[in-house]
Amino acid sequence: MPHTGIRVLVEVAPTKVFASALDWPGLARAGRDVAAALEALAAVRARYAPVAAHAGVVFDATWPLEVAEEAPGDATTAFGAPSIVGVADHRPTTNADGERLAQLVVAAWDALDAAAAIASPELRKGPRGGGRDRDKVVAHVTDAEVAYASVMGLRRVAGDTTGMALRDSVLVLLRLPSDGTPLAGKRWPVRYAARRIAWHALDHAWEIEDRAEPA
């Protein structure tokens, strides 16, 4: 992958637009329109850099954004999650590609764990008094990953109360070479699965950081 820019998929719903880096799982931001979404994505490049470094992957926060694809969003986009599988998400993956994707997903999980470890249990509320507290944010991510794994053809193991065994199974699947077709004959190819899982973990890691009460 030539490091000349950050290739972006833009998905446009009537009320929300997501801009997602196609080659950088976890790097995705939303805005009210295309310009706002791209501005938000550009603004978090520096924040994403330590995540990539933790994964052992070279990332330059000064790389420019390059819109490679634009597609209509759906109800999930409008609700608040990057939902569209791009053409580039169907590219085959090698063992090396899979390892890179897996390490970036692990780095996103680790960022969530690190944020939760130093945050107080009660997080600052939003302007309208809403928002989950720390443990509920973490539990929400774990619960969502059960649904994500199902779309990948995986099921939670009985007794896996922390979700760690399921995460191990997800990583095994991400690391396997793929021809780019949807996993288990469902909806998500490997590259999109990595993007969605890492985005959700990292989005909530940053939420915890931003809403944590000062020590």
Protein backbone atom coordinates (compact mmCIF):
# COMPACT_ATOMS: atom_id res chain seq x y z
CA MET A 1 0.00 0.00 0.00
CA PRO A 2 1.70 3.23 -1.13
CA HIS A 3 1.89 5.74 1.70
CA THR A 4 1.04 8.83 -0.34
CA GLY A 5 -2.30 9.56 1.28
CA ILE A 6 -5.17 8.16 3.33
CA ARG A 7 -7.81 6.71 1.03
CA VAL A 8 -11.28 7.48 2.30
CA LEU A 9 -14.75 6.05 1.78
CA VAL A 10 -17.49 8.65 2.23
CA GLU A 11 -20.99 7.37 2.96
CA VAL A 12 -23.75 9.94 2.75
CA ALA A 13 -27.06 9.70 4.60
CA PRO A 14 -29.58 12.55 4.77
CA THR A 15 -28.71 13.47 8.36
CA LYS A 16 -25.15 12.19 8.77
CA VAL A 17 -22.05 11.52 6.71
CA PHE A 18 -19.22 9.15 7.64
CA ALA A 19 -15.68 9.40 6.31
CA SER A 20 -13.70 6.20 6.90
CA ALA A 21 -10.08 5.44 6.07
CA LEU A 22 -10.21 2.31 3.93
CA ASP A 23 -6.76 1.04 4.94
CA TRP A 24 -6.73 2.16 8.58
CA PRO A 25 -9.20 0.28 10.79
CA GLY A 26 -10.57 2.55 13.49
CA LEU A 27 -9.94 5.82 11.67
CA ALA A 28 -13.45 7.08 10.90
CA ARG A 29 -15.41 10.19 11.84
CA ALA A 30 -18.85 11.61 11.15
CA GLY A 31 -20.22 15.03 10.31
CA ARG A 32 -23.40 16.71 9.19
CA ASP A 33 -22.13 16.81 5.59
CA VAL A 34 -19.19 15.61 3.51
CA ALA A 35 -16.99 18.61 4.31
CA ALA A 36 -17.64 18.32 8.04
CA ALA A 37 -16.97 14.58 8.07
CA LEU A 38 -13.68 15.00 6.23
CA GLU A 39 -12.69 17.84 8.53
CA ALA A 40 -13.42 15.68 11.57
CA LEU A 41 -11.40 12.81 10.09
CA ALA A 42 -8.45 15.06 9.34
CA ALA A 43 -8.57 16.38 12.89
CA VAL A 44 -8.07 12.95 14.49
CA ARG A 45 -5.12 11.79 12.38
CA ALA A 46 -2.72 12.83 15.15
CA ARG A 47 -4.88 11.09 17.71
CA TYR A 48 -4.83 7.90 15.64
CA ALA A 49 -1.05 7.91 15.21
CA PRO A 50 -0.31 6.35 18.65
CA VAL A 51 -2.83 3.60 17.88
CA ALA A 52 -0.99 2.73 14.67
CA ALA A 53 2.35 2.93 16.50
CA HIS A 54 1.03 0.54 19.16
CA ALA A 55 0.16 -1.86 16.33
CA GLY A 56 3.68 -1.54 14.95
CA VAL A 57 2.44 0.06 11.72
CA VAL A 58 3.96 3.20 10.20
CA PHE A 59 1.45 6.04 10.04
CA ASP A 60 2.06 9.70 9.28
CA ALA A 61 -0.52 12.11 10.68
CA THR A 62 0.35 14.59 7.92
CA TRP A 63 -0.73 12.29 5.10
CA PRO A 64 -3.54 13.98 3.16
CA LEU A 65 -7.02 12.52 2.85
CA GLU A 66 -7.96 11.21 -0.59
CA VAL A 67 -11.63 10.45 -1.25
CA ALA A 68 -11.48 7.14 -3.11
CA GLU A 69 -15.15 6.16 -2.92
CA GLU A 70 -18.46 7.84 -2.21
CA ALA A 71 -21.66 5.87 -1.66
CA PRO A 72 -25.18 6.41 -0.33
CA GLY A 73 -25.46 5.72 3.38
CA ASP A 74 -28.23 3.74 5.02
CA ALA A 75 -30.23 3.77 8.25
CA THR A 76 -27.19 2.60 10.22
CA THR A 77 -25.12 5.46 8.81
CA ALA A 78 -27.83 7.91 9.87
CA PHE A 79 -28.03 6.26 13.30
CA GLY A 80 -24.32 6.79 13.87
CA ALA A 81 -22.11 3.96 12.62
CA PRO A 82 -20.07 3.48 9.41
CA SER A 83 -22.15 0.89 7.60
CA ILE A 84 -21.26 0.79 3.91
CA VAL A 85 -18.95 -1.90 2.55
CA GLY A 86 -16.76 -0.25 -0.06
CA VAL A 87 -15.47 -1.66 -3.30
CA ALA A 88 -11.97 -1.59 -1.79
CA ASP A 89 -13.17 -3.69 1.15
CA HIS A 90 -13.53 -6.62 -1.26
CA ARG A 91 -9.81 -6.71 -2.05
CA PRO A 92 -8.20 -10.05 -1.20
CA THR A 93 -5.96 -10.26 1.84
CA THR A 94 -2.71 -12.13 2.33
CA ASN A 95 -1.29 -13.42 5.61
CA ALA A 96 0.61 -10.14 5.93
CA ASP A 97 -2.52 -8.09 5.25
CA GLY A 98 -4.46 -10.09 7.81
CA GLU A 99 -1.78 -9.68 10.45
CA ARG A 100 -1.75 -5.92 9.89
CA LEU A 101 -5.52 -5.69 10.19
CA ALA A 102 -5.52 -7.84 13.31
CA GLN A 103 -2.82 -5.75 15.00
CA LEU A 104 -4.71 -2.53 14.32
CA VAL A 105 -7.88 -4.05 15.78
CA VAL A 106 -5.92 -5.16 18.85
CA ALA A 107 -4.50 -1.65 19.19
CA ALA A 108 -8.03 -0.22 19.16
CA TRP A 109 -9.09 -2.69 21.87
CA ASP A 110 -6.01 -1.80 23.90
CA ALA A 111 -6.82 1.90 23.57
CA LEU A 112 -10.27 1.23 25.01
CA ASP A 113 -8.80 -0.80 27.89
CA ALA A 114 -6.25 1.92 28.62
CA ALA A 115 -8.86 4.67 28.62
CA ALA A 116 -11.15 2.69 30.90
CA ALA A 117 -8.31 1.84 33.29
CA ILE A 118 -7.57 5.46 34.16
CA ALA A 119 -11.06 6.96 33.93
CA SER A 120 -13.34 7.40 36.91
CA PRO A 121 -16.44 5.16 36.93
CA GLU A 122 -18.68 8.18 36.39
CA LEU A 123 -18.15 10.12 33.18
CA ARG A 124 -19.20 13.68 32.52
CA LYS A 125 -22.71 13.88 31.14
CA GLY A 126 -23.53 15.45 27.83
CA PRO A 127 -25.18 18.86 27.46
CA ARG A 128 -28.58 17.20 27.88
CA GLY A 129 -27.49 15.06 30.80
CA GLY A 130 -27.10 11.86 28.79
CA GLY A 131 -24.30 9.37 28.20
CA ARG A 132 -23.25 6.01 29.61
CA ASP A 133 -20.81 5.75 32.48
CA ARG A 134 -17.46 3.99 32.00
CA ASP A 135 -18.43 0.39 32.75
CA LYS A 136 -21.57 0.63 30.66
CA VAL A 137 -19.55 1.97 27.72
CA VAL A 138 -17.18 -0.99 27.95
CA ALA A 139 -20.08 -3.44 28.30
CA HIS A 140 -21.76 -1.87 25.28
CA VAL A 141 -18.65 -2.50 23.16
CA THR A 142 -18.46 -6.12 24.34
CA ASP A 143 -22.15 -6.69 23.59
CA ALA A 144 -21.83 -5.14 20.15
CA GLU A 145 -18.92 -7.42 19.33
CA VAL A 146 -21.15 -10.45 19.87
CA ALA A 147 -23.37 -9.12 17.08
CA TYR A 148 -20.35 -8.26 14.94
CA ALA A 149 -18.93 -11.75 15.38
CA SER A 150 -22.25 -13.25 14.31
CA VAL A 151 -22.03 -11.38 11.01
CA MET A 152 -18.58 -12.95 10.63
CA GLY A 153 -20.01 -16.43 11.20
CA LEU A 154 -18.76 -16.73 14.79
CA ARG A 155 -20.66 -17.47 17.96
CA ARG A 156 -19.83 -16.62 21.55
CA VAL A 157 -18.49 -19.56 23.53
CA ALA A 158 -20.52 -20.57 26.58
CA GLY A 159 -18.89 -19.19 29.72
CA ASP A 160 -17.00 -16.45 27.85
CA THR A 161 -18.29 -13.70 30.14
CA THR A 162 -15.57 -11.19 29.21
CA GLY A 163 -15.73 -11.69 25.44
CA MET A 164 -11.99 -12.40 25.29
CA ALA A 165 -12.42 -15.85 23.74
CA LEU A 166 -14.67 -14.36 21.09
CA ARG A 167 -12.08 -11.69 20.35
CA ASP A 168 -9.46 -14.41 19.91
CA SER A 169 -11.72 -16.10 17.35
CA VAL A 170 -12.23 -12.80 15.53
CA LEU A 171 -8.46 -12.30 15.29
CA VAL A 172 -7.95 -15.80 13.91
CA LEU A 173 -10.48 -15.04 11.19
CA LEU A 174 -8.97 -11.65 10.36
CA ARG A 175 -5.53 -13.19 9.99
CA LEU A 176 -6.61 -15.85 7.49
CA PRO A 177 -6.00 -15.07 3.80
CA SER A 178 -9.23 -14.04 2.10
CA ASP A 179 -10.46 -13.70 -1.46
CA GLY A 180 -12.46 -10.65 -0.44
CA THR A 181 -15.88 -12.26 -0.43
CA PRO A 182 -18.15 -11.78 2.62
CA LEU A 183 -17.24 -13.93 5.61
CA ALA A 184 -19.46 -16.96 6.17
CA GLY A 185 -21.44 -15.96 3.09
CA LYS A 186 -22.98 -13.06 4.98
CA ARG A 187 -22.31 -9.32 4.55
CA TRP A 188 -18.86 -8.37 5.80
CA PRO A 189 -15.56 -9.04 4.01
CA VAL A 190 -12.45 -9.15 6.18
CA ARG A 191 -11.35 -5.58 5.54
CA TYR A 192 -14.72 -4.10 6.44
CA ALA A 193 -15.02 -6.31 9.53
CA ALA A 194 -11.70 -4.95 10.80
CA ARG A 195 -12.79 -1.39 10.05
CA ARG A 196 -16.11 -1.70 11.86
CA ILE A 197 -14.77 -3.48 14.95
CA ALA A 198 -11.80 -1.13 15.38
CA TRP A 199 -13.94 1.96 14.80
CA HIS A 200 -16.40 0.98 17.51
CA ALA A 201 -13.72 0.24 20.10
CA LEU A 202 -11.69 3.34 19.29
CA ASP A 203 -14.71 5.63 19.07
CA HIS A 204 -15.69 4.66 22.62
CA ALA A 205 -12.09 4.82 23.85
CA TRP A 206 -11.97 8.43 22.73
CA GLU A 207 -15.40 9.05 24.21
CA ILE A 208 -14.18 7.85 27.60
CA GLU A 209 -11.07 10.03 27.33
CA ASP A 210 -13.12 13.08 26.39
CA ARG A 211 -15.76 12.56 29.07
CA ALA A 212 -13.51 11.45 31.93
CA GLU A 213 -13.67 13.59 35.04
CA PRO A 214 -10.38 15.27 35.97
CA ALA A 215 -8.43 13.40 38.64
